[in-house]
Structure formats: structure tokens, C-alpha cells
N, C-alpha and C. Protein backbone atom coordinates (compact mmCIF):
# COMPACT_ATOMS: atom_id res chain seq x y z
N UNK A 1 10.83 14.92 -14.79
CA UNK A 1 9.66 14.17 -15.22
C UNK A 1 8.96 13.64 -13.98
N UNK A 2 7.68 13.87 -13.90
CA UNK A 2 6.90 13.34 -12.79
C UNK A 2 5.95 12.28 -13.32
N UNK A 3 5.24 11.65 -12.41
CA UNK A 3 4.29 10.62 -12.83
C UNK A 3 2.94 11.26 -13.11
N UNK A 4 2.08 10.59 -13.88
CA UNK A 4 0.76 11.14 -14.15
C UNK A 4 -0.26 10.82 -13.05
N UNK A 5 0.20 10.24 -11.94
CA UNK A 5 -0.72 9.86 -10.87
C UNK A 5 -1.28 11.08 -10.15
N UNK A 6 -2.58 11.05 -9.89
CA UNK A 6 -3.25 12.13 -9.17
C UNK A 6 -3.84 11.56 -7.89
N UNK A 7 -3.47 12.10 -6.71
CA UNK A 7 -3.97 11.54 -5.45
C UNK A 7 -5.48 11.73 -5.30
N UNK A 8 -6.14 10.67 -4.83
CA UNK A 8 -7.60 10.72 -4.67
C UNK A 8 -8.05 10.36 -3.26
N UNK A 9 -7.33 9.45 -2.58
CA UNK A 9 -7.77 8.98 -1.27
C UNK A 9 -6.54 8.51 -0.49
N UNK A 10 -6.49 8.86 0.78
CA UNK A 10 -5.41 8.42 1.66
C UNK A 10 -6.03 7.63 2.80
N UNK A 11 -5.53 6.42 3.03
CA UNK A 11 -6.05 5.57 4.10
C UNK A 11 -4.91 5.27 5.07
N UNK A 12 -5.15 5.56 6.34
CA UNK A 12 -4.16 5.29 7.38
C UNK A 12 -4.74 4.25 8.32
N UNK A 13 -4.05 3.12 8.44
CA UNK A 13 -4.44 2.07 9.38
C UNK A 13 -3.55 2.19 10.60
N UNK A 14 -4.15 2.30 11.75
CA UNK A 14 -3.42 2.38 13.01
C UNK A 14 -3.79 1.14 13.81
N UNK A 15 -2.84 0.24 14.03
CA UNK A 15 -3.11 -1.04 14.69
C UNK A 15 -2.29 -1.18 15.96
N UNK A 16 -2.89 -1.84 16.93
CA UNK A 16 -2.09 -2.24 18.08
C UNK A 16 -2.26 -3.73 18.28
N UNK A 17 -1.25 -4.36 18.80
CA UNK A 17 -1.28 -5.80 19.02
C UNK A 17 -0.60 -6.12 20.34
N UNK A 18 -1.21 -7.01 21.11
CA UNK A 18 -0.53 -7.45 22.33
C UNK A 18 0.65 -8.33 21.96
N UNK A 19 1.68 -8.32 22.80
CA UNK A 19 2.82 -9.20 22.57
C UNK A 19 2.37 -10.64 22.67
N UNK A 20 2.79 -11.45 21.75
CA UNK A 20 2.39 -12.86 21.73
C UNK A 20 3.64 -13.70 21.85
N UNK A 21 3.57 -14.69 22.71
CA UNK A 21 4.71 -15.59 22.87
C UNK A 21 4.85 -16.46 21.64
N UNK A 22 6.07 -16.72 21.25
CA UNK A 22 6.33 -17.58 20.12
C UNK A 22 6.91 -18.89 20.61
N UNK A 23 7.04 -19.81 19.70
CA UNK A 23 7.64 -21.07 20.11
C UNK A 23 8.49 -21.62 18.98
N UNK A 24 9.56 -22.27 19.39
CA UNK A 24 10.41 -22.97 18.45
C UNK A 24 10.00 -24.44 18.48
N UNK A 25 10.79 -25.27 17.93
CA UNK A 25 10.47 -26.69 17.89
C UNK A 25 10.43 -27.29 19.29
N UNK A 26 11.39 -26.95 20.13
CA UNK A 26 11.44 -27.52 21.47
C UNK A 26 11.38 -26.48 22.58
N UNK A 27 11.25 -25.22 22.23
CA UNK A 27 11.27 -24.18 23.25
C UNK A 27 10.09 -23.24 23.10
N UNK A 28 9.72 -22.66 24.21
CA UNK A 28 8.68 -21.64 24.24
C UNK A 28 9.35 -20.36 24.74
N UNK A 29 9.24 -19.27 24.03
CA UNK A 29 9.87 -18.04 24.50
C UNK A 29 8.83 -16.92 24.59
N UNK A 30 9.09 -16.02 25.51
CA UNK A 30 8.18 -14.90 25.75
C UNK A 30 8.32 -13.85 24.66
N UNK A 31 7.25 -13.14 24.48
CA UNK A 31 7.30 -12.02 23.53
C UNK A 31 8.23 -10.96 24.09
N UNK A 32 8.89 -10.23 23.22
CA UNK A 32 9.81 -9.19 23.68
C UNK A 32 9.11 -7.89 24.03
N UNK A 33 7.80 -7.82 23.80
CA UNK A 33 7.06 -6.62 24.17
C UNK A 33 5.66 -6.99 24.66
N UNK A 34 5.09 -6.09 25.45
CA UNK A 34 3.72 -6.30 25.94
C UNK A 34 2.71 -5.83 24.90
N UNK A 35 3.06 -4.75 24.26
CA UNK A 35 2.16 -4.18 23.26
C UNK A 35 3.00 -3.48 22.21
N UNK A 36 2.54 -3.50 20.97
CA UNK A 36 3.21 -2.72 19.92
C UNK A 36 2.14 -2.06 19.06
N UNK A 37 2.47 -0.88 18.57
CA UNK A 37 1.56 -0.12 17.72
C UNK A 37 2.26 0.15 16.40
N UNK A 38 1.53 -0.02 15.32
CA UNK A 38 2.13 0.24 14.01
C UNK A 38 1.13 0.92 13.10
N UNK A 39 1.66 1.61 12.12
CA UNK A 39 0.84 2.36 11.19
C UNK A 39 1.16 1.91 9.76
N UNK A 40 0.13 1.81 8.96
CA UNK A 40 0.27 1.44 7.56
C UNK A 40 -0.48 2.48 6.73
N UNK A 41 0.18 3.03 5.73
CA UNK A 41 -0.42 4.08 4.90
C UNK A 41 -0.56 3.59 3.47
N UNK A 42 -1.77 3.75 2.92
CA UNK A 42 -2.02 3.44 1.52
C UNK A 42 -2.64 4.66 0.85
N UNK A 43 -2.03 5.09 -0.24
CA UNK A 43 -2.55 6.22 -1.01
C UNK A 43 -3.14 5.67 -2.31
N UNK A 44 -4.33 6.13 -2.64
CA UNK A 44 -5.01 5.70 -3.87
C UNK A 44 -4.96 6.84 -4.87
N UNK A 45 -4.65 6.49 -6.11
CA UNK A 45 -4.46 7.47 -7.18
C UNK A 45 -5.28 7.09 -8.40
N UNK A 46 -5.47 8.07 -9.27
CA UNK A 46 -6.00 7.82 -10.61
C UNK A 46 -5.00 8.41 -11.60
N UNK A 47 -5.22 8.11 -12.86
CA UNK A 47 -4.36 8.66 -13.91
C UNK A 47 -5.21 8.95 -15.14
N UNK A 48 -4.92 10.05 -15.82
CA UNK A 48 -5.66 10.34 -17.05
C UNK A 48 -5.20 9.46 -18.22
N UNK A 49 -4.10 8.73 -18.04
CA UNK A 49 -3.54 7.89 -19.10
C UNK A 49 -3.95 6.43 -18.92
N UNK A 50 -3.86 5.62 -19.97
CA UNK A 50 -4.10 4.19 -19.82
C UNK A 50 -3.09 3.56 -18.85
N UNK A 51 -3.46 2.45 -18.24
CA UNK A 51 -2.61 1.80 -17.23
C UNK A 51 -1.20 1.53 -17.73
N UNK A 52 -1.06 0.96 -18.92
CA UNK A 52 0.26 0.61 -19.44
C UNK A 52 1.16 1.84 -19.57
N UNK A 53 0.60 2.94 -20.07
CA UNK A 53 1.39 4.16 -20.23
C UNK A 53 1.71 4.79 -18.87
N UNK A 54 0.76 4.74 -17.94
CA UNK A 54 1.01 5.25 -16.59
C UNK A 54 2.16 4.50 -15.94
N UNK A 55 2.14 3.17 -16.03
CA UNK A 55 3.21 2.35 -15.44
C UNK A 55 4.55 2.64 -16.11
N UNK A 56 4.54 2.82 -17.41
CA UNK A 56 5.77 3.14 -18.13
C UNK A 56 6.35 4.47 -17.63
N UNK A 57 5.50 5.45 -17.40
CA UNK A 57 5.97 6.76 -16.91
C UNK A 57 6.48 6.67 -15.47
N UNK A 58 5.85 5.82 -14.66
CA UNK A 58 6.32 5.61 -13.28
C UNK A 58 7.72 5.00 -13.31
N UNK A 59 7.91 4.00 -14.17
CA UNK A 59 9.23 3.35 -14.28
C UNK A 59 10.27 4.32 -14.83
N UNK A 60 9.89 5.15 -15.79
CA UNK A 60 10.81 6.16 -16.32
C UNK A 60 11.23 7.13 -15.22
N UNK A 61 10.27 7.58 -14.42
CA UNK A 61 10.58 8.52 -13.34
C UNK A 61 11.47 7.86 -12.29
N UNK A 62 11.30 6.57 -12.07
CA UNK A 62 12.14 5.84 -11.12
C UNK A 62 13.58 5.70 -11.57
N UNK A 63 13.83 5.81 -12.88
CA UNK A 63 15.18 5.69 -13.43
C UNK A 63 16.03 6.94 -13.20
N UNK A 64 15.38 8.07 -12.96
CA UNK A 64 16.13 9.33 -12.79
C UNK A 64 17.04 9.27 -11.57
N UNK A 65 18.15 9.93 -11.66
CA UNK A 65 19.08 10.02 -10.52
C UNK A 65 18.38 10.70 -9.35
N UNK A 66 18.59 10.18 -8.16
CA UNK A 66 18.04 10.70 -6.91
C UNK A 66 16.51 10.69 -6.88
N UNK A 67 15.89 9.84 -7.67
CA UNK A 67 14.44 9.73 -7.66
C UNK A 67 13.99 9.07 -6.37
N UNK A 68 12.89 9.53 -5.82
CA UNK A 68 12.31 8.90 -4.64
C UNK A 68 11.40 7.74 -4.98
N UNK A 69 11.28 7.43 -6.26
CA UNK A 69 10.41 6.34 -6.70
C UNK A 69 11.23 5.05 -6.73
N UNK A 70 10.81 4.03 -5.95
CA UNK A 70 11.62 2.82 -5.84
C UNK A 70 11.47 1.84 -7.01
N UNK A 71 10.60 2.13 -7.94
CA UNK A 71 10.34 1.19 -9.04
C UNK A 71 11.10 1.60 -10.30
N UNK A 72 11.83 0.66 -10.89
CA UNK A 72 12.61 0.93 -12.10
C UNK A 72 12.40 -0.19 -13.11
N UNK A 73 12.79 0.06 -14.34
CA UNK A 73 12.68 -0.98 -15.37
C UNK A 73 13.56 -2.19 -15.03
N UNK A 74 14.71 -1.93 -14.42
CA UNK A 74 15.59 -3.03 -14.03
C UNK A 74 14.89 -3.96 -13.04
N UNK A 75 14.13 -3.39 -12.13
CA UNK A 75 13.37 -4.16 -11.15
C UNK A 75 12.33 -5.04 -11.84
N UNK A 76 11.64 -4.45 -12.80
CA UNK A 76 10.56 -5.16 -13.48
C UNK A 76 11.10 -6.24 -14.40
N UNK A 77 12.17 -5.93 -15.13
CA UNK A 77 12.78 -6.92 -16.00
C UNK A 77 12.11 -7.10 -17.35
N UNK A 78 11.07 -6.34 -17.62
CA UNK A 78 10.42 -6.43 -18.93
C UNK A 78 9.69 -5.12 -19.18
N UNK A 79 9.17 -5.00 -20.37
CA UNK A 79 8.41 -3.80 -20.70
C UNK A 79 6.91 -4.02 -20.53
N UNK A 80 6.50 -5.13 -19.87
CA UNK A 80 5.08 -5.40 -19.70
C UNK A 80 4.72 -5.59 -18.23
N UNK A 81 4.97 -4.60 -17.38
CA UNK A 81 4.66 -4.77 -15.96
C UNK A 81 3.17 -4.80 -15.66
N UNK A 82 2.35 -4.28 -16.59
CA UNK A 82 0.92 -4.19 -16.32
C UNK A 82 0.23 -5.54 -16.24
N UNK A 83 0.89 -6.61 -16.69
CA UNK A 83 0.28 -7.94 -16.64
C UNK A 83 0.17 -8.48 -15.22
N UNK A 84 1.11 -8.11 -14.35
CA UNK A 84 1.16 -8.71 -13.01
C UNK A 84 0.19 -8.06 -12.03
N UNK A 85 -0.10 -6.79 -12.17
CA UNK A 85 -0.99 -6.11 -11.24
C UNK A 85 -0.29 -5.58 -10.00
N UNK A 86 1.04 -5.79 -9.89
CA UNK A 86 1.75 -5.31 -8.71
C UNK A 86 3.23 -5.12 -8.99
N UNK A 87 3.78 -4.05 -8.43
CA UNK A 87 5.22 -3.82 -8.36
C UNK A 87 5.55 -3.69 -6.88
N UNK A 88 6.63 -4.30 -6.44
CA UNK A 88 7.01 -4.11 -5.04
C UNK A 88 8.53 -4.06 -4.92
N UNK A 89 8.96 -3.20 -4.00
CA UNK A 89 10.39 -3.06 -3.74
C UNK A 89 10.57 -2.28 -2.45
N UNK A 90 11.49 -2.74 -1.64
CA UNK A 90 11.87 -2.06 -0.39
C UNK A 90 10.66 -1.76 0.50
N UNK A 91 9.72 -2.69 0.55
CA UNK A 91 8.54 -2.50 1.38
C UNK A 91 7.43 -1.69 0.76
N UNK A 92 7.68 -1.06 -0.37
CA UNK A 92 6.66 -0.30 -1.09
C UNK A 92 5.95 -1.25 -2.05
N UNK A 93 4.63 -1.13 -2.14
CA UNK A 93 3.87 -1.95 -3.09
C UNK A 93 2.94 -1.05 -3.89
N UNK A 94 3.04 -1.13 -5.21
CA UNK A 94 2.15 -0.41 -6.10
C UNK A 94 1.27 -1.45 -6.77
N UNK A 95 -0.04 -1.35 -6.55
CA UNK A 95 -1.00 -2.26 -7.16
C UNK A 95 -2.00 -1.44 -7.95
N UNK A 96 -2.70 -2.08 -8.86
CA UNK A 96 -3.68 -1.36 -9.67
C UNK A 96 -4.77 -2.30 -10.12
N UNK A 97 -5.90 -1.67 -10.50
CA UNK A 97 -7.05 -2.42 -10.99
C UNK A 97 -6.69 -3.18 -12.25
N UNK A 98 -7.19 -4.38 -12.35
CA UNK A 98 -7.15 -5.14 -13.59
C UNK A 98 -8.57 -5.64 -13.83
N UNK A 99 -8.96 -5.93 -15.07
CA UNK A 99 -10.34 -6.30 -15.34
C UNK A 99 -10.87 -7.44 -14.45
N UNK A 100 -10.06 -8.45 -14.21
CA UNK A 100 -10.52 -9.59 -13.41
C UNK A 100 -10.26 -9.41 -11.92
N UNK A 101 -9.52 -8.37 -11.54
CA UNK A 101 -9.14 -8.22 -10.13
C UNK A 101 -9.08 -6.75 -9.73
N UNK A 102 -10.24 -6.13 -9.46
CA UNK A 102 -10.20 -4.74 -8.99
C UNK A 102 -9.64 -4.68 -7.57
N UNK A 103 -9.09 -3.54 -7.20
CA UNK A 103 -8.56 -3.35 -5.85
C UNK A 103 -9.70 -3.41 -4.84
N UNK A 104 -9.47 -4.02 -3.68
CA UNK A 104 -10.52 -4.09 -2.66
C UNK A 104 -10.66 -2.78 -1.89
N UNK A 105 -11.80 -2.62 -1.25
CA UNK A 105 -12.04 -1.47 -0.39
C UNK A 105 -11.29 -1.66 0.93
N UNK A 106 -10.73 -0.61 1.50
CA UNK A 106 -10.19 -0.73 2.85
C UNK A 106 -11.36 -0.94 3.81
N UNK A 107 -11.22 -1.82 4.77
CA UNK A 107 -12.34 -2.14 5.65
C UNK A 107 -11.90 -2.17 7.10
N UNK A 108 -12.77 -1.65 7.94
CA UNK A 108 -12.54 -1.67 9.38
C UNK A 108 -13.57 -2.62 9.98
N UNK A 109 -13.12 -3.61 10.70
CA UNK A 109 -14.02 -4.58 11.30
C UNK A 109 -14.68 -3.97 12.53
N UNK A 110 -16.01 -4.10 12.66
CA UNK A 110 -16.66 -3.59 13.87
C UNK A 110 -16.31 -4.41 15.11
N UNK A 111 -15.74 -5.59 14.90
CA UNK A 111 -15.41 -6.47 16.02
C UNK A 111 -13.95 -6.38 16.44
N UNK A 112 -13.13 -5.75 15.66
CA UNK A 112 -11.71 -5.66 15.97
C UNK A 112 -11.39 -4.24 16.41
N UNK A 113 -11.26 -4.04 17.72
CA UNK A 113 -11.01 -2.70 18.24
C UNK A 113 -9.52 -2.39 18.29
N UNK A 114 -8.72 -3.26 17.69
CA UNK A 114 -7.28 -3.02 17.63
C UNK A 114 -6.89 -2.25 16.38
N UNK A 115 -7.88 -1.82 15.61
CA UNK A 115 -7.61 -1.14 14.34
C UNK A 115 -8.44 0.13 14.25
N UNK A 116 -7.78 1.22 13.89
CA UNK A 116 -8.48 2.46 13.55
C UNK A 116 -8.16 2.77 12.11
N UNK A 117 -9.15 3.20 11.38
CA UNK A 117 -8.97 3.50 9.96
C UNK A 117 -9.36 4.95 9.72
N UNK A 118 -8.48 5.70 9.11
CA UNK A 118 -8.75 7.10 8.78
C UNK A 118 -8.62 7.26 7.28
N UNK A 119 -9.65 7.81 6.67
CA UNK A 119 -9.64 8.04 5.21
C UNK A 119 -9.76 9.54 4.95
N UNK A 120 -8.87 10.08 4.14
CA UNK A 120 -8.89 11.50 3.78
C UNK A 120 -8.79 11.64 2.28
N UNK A 121 -9.53 12.45 1.59
CA UNK A 121 -10.72 13.09 2.12
C UNK A 121 -11.76 12.04 2.46
N UNK A 122 -12.78 12.45 3.15
CA UNK A 122 -13.83 11.51 3.54
C UNK A 122 -14.31 10.79 2.28
N UNK A 123 -14.20 9.46 2.25
CA UNK A 123 -14.46 8.74 1.01
C UNK A 123 -15.94 8.67 0.64
N UNK A 124 -16.27 9.29 -0.45
CA UNK A 124 -17.62 9.18 -0.99
C UNK A 124 -17.62 8.00 -1.93
N UNK A 125 -17.97 6.85 -1.41
CA UNK A 125 -17.93 5.65 -2.22
C UNK A 125 -16.60 4.94 -2.16
N UNK A 126 -15.63 5.48 -1.41
CA UNK A 126 -14.34 4.82 -1.23
C UNK A 126 -13.62 4.56 -2.54
N UNK A 127 -12.96 3.43 -2.60
CA UNK A 127 -12.19 3.07 -3.80
C UNK A 127 -13.12 2.91 -4.99
N UNK A 128 -14.31 2.34 -4.76
CA UNK A 128 -15.27 2.17 -5.85
C UNK A 128 -15.71 3.54 -6.39
N UNK A 129 -15.86 4.52 -5.51
CA UNK A 129 -16.21 5.88 -5.95
C UNK A 129 -15.12 6.49 -6.81
N UNK A 130 -13.86 6.29 -6.41
CA UNK A 130 -12.73 6.78 -7.21
C UNK A 130 -12.74 6.09 -8.57
N UNK A 131 -12.96 4.77 -8.56
CA UNK A 131 -12.96 3.99 -9.80
C UNK A 131 -14.07 4.46 -10.74
N UNK A 132 -15.28 4.66 -10.22
CA UNK A 132 -16.40 5.04 -11.09
C UNK A 132 -16.23 6.46 -11.63
N UNK A 133 -15.56 7.31 -10.87
CA UNK A 133 -15.39 8.70 -11.32
C UNK A 133 -14.18 8.89 -12.23
N UNK A 134 -13.06 8.17 -11.94
CA UNK A 134 -11.80 8.44 -12.64
C UNK A 134 -11.25 7.26 -13.45
N UNK A 135 -11.82 6.07 -13.31
CA UNK A 135 -11.30 4.91 -14.04
C UNK A 135 -10.39 4.06 -13.17
N UNK A 136 -9.33 3.56 -13.76
CA UNK A 136 -8.41 2.65 -13.07
C UNK A 136 -7.85 3.29 -11.80
N UNK A 137 -7.81 2.50 -10.73
CA UNK A 137 -7.28 2.97 -9.45
C UNK A 137 -5.92 2.34 -9.21
N UNK A 138 -4.97 3.15 -8.78
CA UNK A 138 -3.63 2.69 -8.40
C UNK A 138 -3.50 2.89 -6.89
N UNK A 139 -2.90 1.92 -6.21
CA UNK A 139 -2.71 2.03 -4.76
C UNK A 139 -1.23 1.87 -4.44
N UNK A 140 -0.69 2.81 -3.68
CA UNK A 140 0.69 2.73 -3.23
C UNK A 140 0.67 2.52 -1.72
N UNK A 141 1.16 1.35 -1.28
CA UNK A 141 1.23 1.04 0.14
C UNK A 141 2.68 1.18 0.59
N UNK A 142 2.88 2.00 1.61
CA UNK A 142 4.22 2.24 2.14
C UNK A 142 4.55 1.19 3.19
N UNK A 143 5.83 1.01 3.49
CA UNK A 143 6.21 0.02 4.51
C UNK A 143 5.58 0.37 5.86
N UNK A 144 5.10 -0.64 6.60
CA UNK A 144 4.54 -0.35 7.92
C UNK A 144 5.61 0.18 8.87
N UNK A 145 5.19 1.04 9.78
CA UNK A 145 6.11 1.64 10.75
C UNK A 145 5.62 1.31 12.16
N UNK A 146 6.47 0.66 12.94
CA UNK A 146 6.15 0.44 14.35
C UNK A 146 6.59 1.70 15.10
N UNK A 147 5.62 2.39 15.69
CA UNK A 147 5.93 3.68 16.29
C UNK A 147 5.90 3.66 17.82
N UNK A 148 5.44 2.56 18.41
CA UNK A 148 5.40 2.51 19.86
C UNK A 148 5.45 1.06 20.31
N UNK A 149 6.27 0.80 21.33
CA UNK A 149 6.38 -0.55 21.90
C UNK A 149 6.53 -0.44 23.41
N UNK A 150 5.84 -1.32 24.12
CA UNK A 150 6.01 -1.42 25.56
C UNK A 150 6.79 -2.70 25.80
N UNK A 151 8.06 -2.57 26.20
CA UNK A 151 8.87 -3.78 26.39
C UNK A 151 8.43 -4.57 27.61
N UNK A 152 8.81 -5.81 27.64
CA UNK A 152 8.53 -6.68 28.80
C UNK A 152 9.40 -6.33 29.93
């Protein structure tokens, strides 16, 4: 059994940050790195089914042995996960549109050169375009990965 989710947009955020010194109550300590780079991936999906049924099928698929889906009914604890707008486990977060809270557009600040944003396919209208064409949007954000560090 698979999920009814259909991929529509993939957004990759590539960020770098200079090492920042931290401080405790009485001590100041140096950062353990000069620079670190990390990547965050969010995939946006649509479904031909209503949100509640889509979520139910995702949870059913997560129950299968050796499933790569981290979301299960045991995690949710009820049969009404669609009320919360989010499921999260092991660094994975699944969010979806709700009438009062649609998913935001991914945005790249023109003033922050520490972030690169790549969207595939090229977003025609971005998340709003997916929403207007296919209905409810689901977003799966994977755990961030630090892929490069320059130690002190």
C-alpha cells in the first residue's frame, strides 16, 4: 500500500553560518567551528483524496513492516490527526493546508546571502500555484543535514 501523495514541488535550502561563540551563565566559550553548511529539503505534494482520508492512508502505510514512513497511528494517538495540521517524528515534519492556516511560500531573502533556494520544477506560482491547481498542499520537511564544517 502506498500513499496517495503526488509530488509537485521540491525546495532545497542551502545555508551557511559562521561559527558563533556561545556563553553559559559565568563562562564564554568559543564556537567549535568557523563555518558550517547545512541543507534542508521540503517536498510539496497534492492528493486526489480529501485531507482526512489522505492522512489516514499515510498512517496506514506507516504501520507496514519495514515502511520508510515515520508516521503511525500509535504516534498520533487518535483517529483525527487532521485537526492539528502537523505530524512530526524523528526530525521529519508533515504539514498541510488548513482553512485558517495555509502553508507559507518558501522565500529567499534578497538581503541574506547565506541562503540559496532551489525549487524543482521551476515553480509557476510556487505553493500557491500548486494549491490553486490541485487543492490541499502537503509539505514533508526532512531533517536538516550538516554537510560541511570548518573546525576552529
